[in-house]
Amino acid sequence: MYNVKANSNLIQWETCAAFLVKLPRTKYKFWISKKLARETGHKLIMVIPDSFEIKIFNRSNEKILCADEFLEYFGFDFSQEIIDDLKD
């Protein structure tokens, strides 16, 4: 499970049950349930489970991303085998 922080300016729309969020550095958007996200100040904090799959879309296209693919858009890097903080 991962906690992802994003600027609240990425929120495009809000309903009573979900946020419509723009995916950083793309033209894609996605819906995320308020059970998995909350807005605090100028941040949107999302909880992303390991088994997470999400549909991203724009006007002409849609894709389904797994958690790892989705998290890469928010700066997570899963290609490193050793975490730099743990190196001796």
Protein backbone atom coordinates (compact mmCIF):
# COMPACT_ATOMS: atom_id res chain seq x y z
CA MET A 1 0.00 0.00 0.00
CA TYR A 2 1.34 3.43 -0.95
CA ASN A 3 0.47 6.98 0.10
CA VAL A 4 0.64 9.42 -2.78
CA LYS A 5 0.62 13.18 -2.33
CA ALA A 6 -0.37 15.41 -5.22
CA ASN A 7 -1.20 19.09 -5.57
CA SER A 8 -4.88 19.75 -5.14
CA ASN A 9 -4.81 21.82 -8.35
CA LEU A 10 -4.91 18.46 -10.21
CA ILE A 11 -8.51 17.99 -9.03
CA GLN A 12 -10.76 18.71 -12.01
CA TRP A 13 -14.13 17.92 -10.43
CA GLU A 14 -15.53 16.66 -7.15
CA THR A 15 -18.70 14.73 -6.36
CA CYS A 16 -19.95 13.50 -3.00
CA ALA A 17 -18.25 10.12 -3.64
CA ALA A 18 -15.16 10.76 -5.81
CA PHE A 19 -12.58 13.12 -7.26
CA LEU A 20 -11.84 13.55 -10.96
CA VAL A 21 -8.07 14.05 -11.07
CA LYS A 22 -5.71 14.99 -13.91
CA LEU A 23 -2.77 12.61 -14.27
CA PRO A 24 0.46 14.68 -13.99
CA ARG A 25 2.28 15.55 -17.24
CA THR A 26 -0.43 13.98 -19.42
CA LYS A 27 -3.83 14.79 -20.87
CA TYR A 28 -5.37 11.82 -19.05
CA LYS A 29 -7.78 11.98 -16.13
CA PHE A 30 -9.07 9.41 -13.66
CA TRP A 31 -11.76 9.03 -11.02
CA ILE A 32 -10.73 8.05 -7.49
CA SER A 33 -13.11 7.26 -4.66
CA LYS A 34 -13.11 9.47 -1.59
CA LYS A 35 -12.65 6.25 0.37
CA LEU A 36 -9.11 6.20 -1.09
CA ALA A 37 -8.43 9.94 -1.22
CA ARG A 38 -8.81 13.07 0.85
CA GLU A 39 -7.99 16.72 0.32
CA THR A 40 -5.99 18.44 3.05
CA GLY A 41 -4.96 22.03 2.51
CA HIS A 42 -3.33 22.23 -0.90
CA LYS A 43 -2.64 18.49 -1.14
CA LEU A 44 -4.60 15.49 -2.34
CA ILE A 45 -3.56 12.39 -0.42
CA MET A 46 -4.38 9.07 -2.10
CA VAL A 47 -3.98 5.56 -0.66
CA ILE A 48 -3.05 3.12 -3.42
CA PRO A 49 -3.31 -0.62 -2.60
CA ASP A 50 -0.88 -3.08 -4.23
CA SER A 51 -3.71 -4.71 -6.19
CA PHE A 52 -4.97 -1.35 -7.48
CA GLU A 53 -6.14 -1.03 -11.09
CA ILE A 54 -7.44 2.23 -12.45
CA LYS A 55 -8.90 3.39 -15.75
CA ILE A 56 -7.39 6.57 -17.13
CA PHE A 57 -9.03 8.36 -20.03
CA ASN A 58 -8.98 11.38 -22.30
CA ARG A 59 -11.34 12.41 -25.09
CA SER A 60 -10.24 9.73 -27.54
CA ASN A 61 -8.53 7.03 -25.51
CA GLU A 62 -8.70 5.00 -22.33
CA LYS A 63 -6.27 2.62 -20.63
CA ILE A 64 -6.19 0.49 -17.50
CA LEU A 65 -3.10 0.83 -15.33
CA CYS A 66 -1.87 -1.38 -12.50
CA ALA A 67 -0.61 0.19 -9.27
CA ASP A 68 3.06 0.27 -10.35
CA GLU A 69 2.30 1.93 -13.70
CA PHE A 70 0.00 4.44 -12.02
CA LEU A 71 2.53 5.32 -9.30
CA GLU A 72 5.28 6.01 -11.85
CA TYR A 73 3.30 9.08 -12.97
CA PHE A 74 3.66 10.41 -9.42
CA GLY A 75 7.44 9.92 -9.26
CA PHE A 76 7.73 6.40 -7.82
CA ASP A 77 10.60 4.41 -9.37
CA PHE A 78 10.31 0.63 -9.17
CA SER A 79 13.26 -0.14 -11.45
CA GLN A 80 15.88 0.18 -8.70
CA GLU A 81 16.75 -3.09 -6.98
CA ILE A 82 18.28 -1.47 -3.90
CA ILE A 83 16.79 1.51 -2.15
CA ASP A 84 19.44 4.27 -1.86
CA ASP A 85 18.65 4.89 1.82
CA LEU A 86 19.46 1.27 2.69
CA LYS A 87 22.83 1.08 0.96
CA ASP A 88 25.87 0.56 3.23
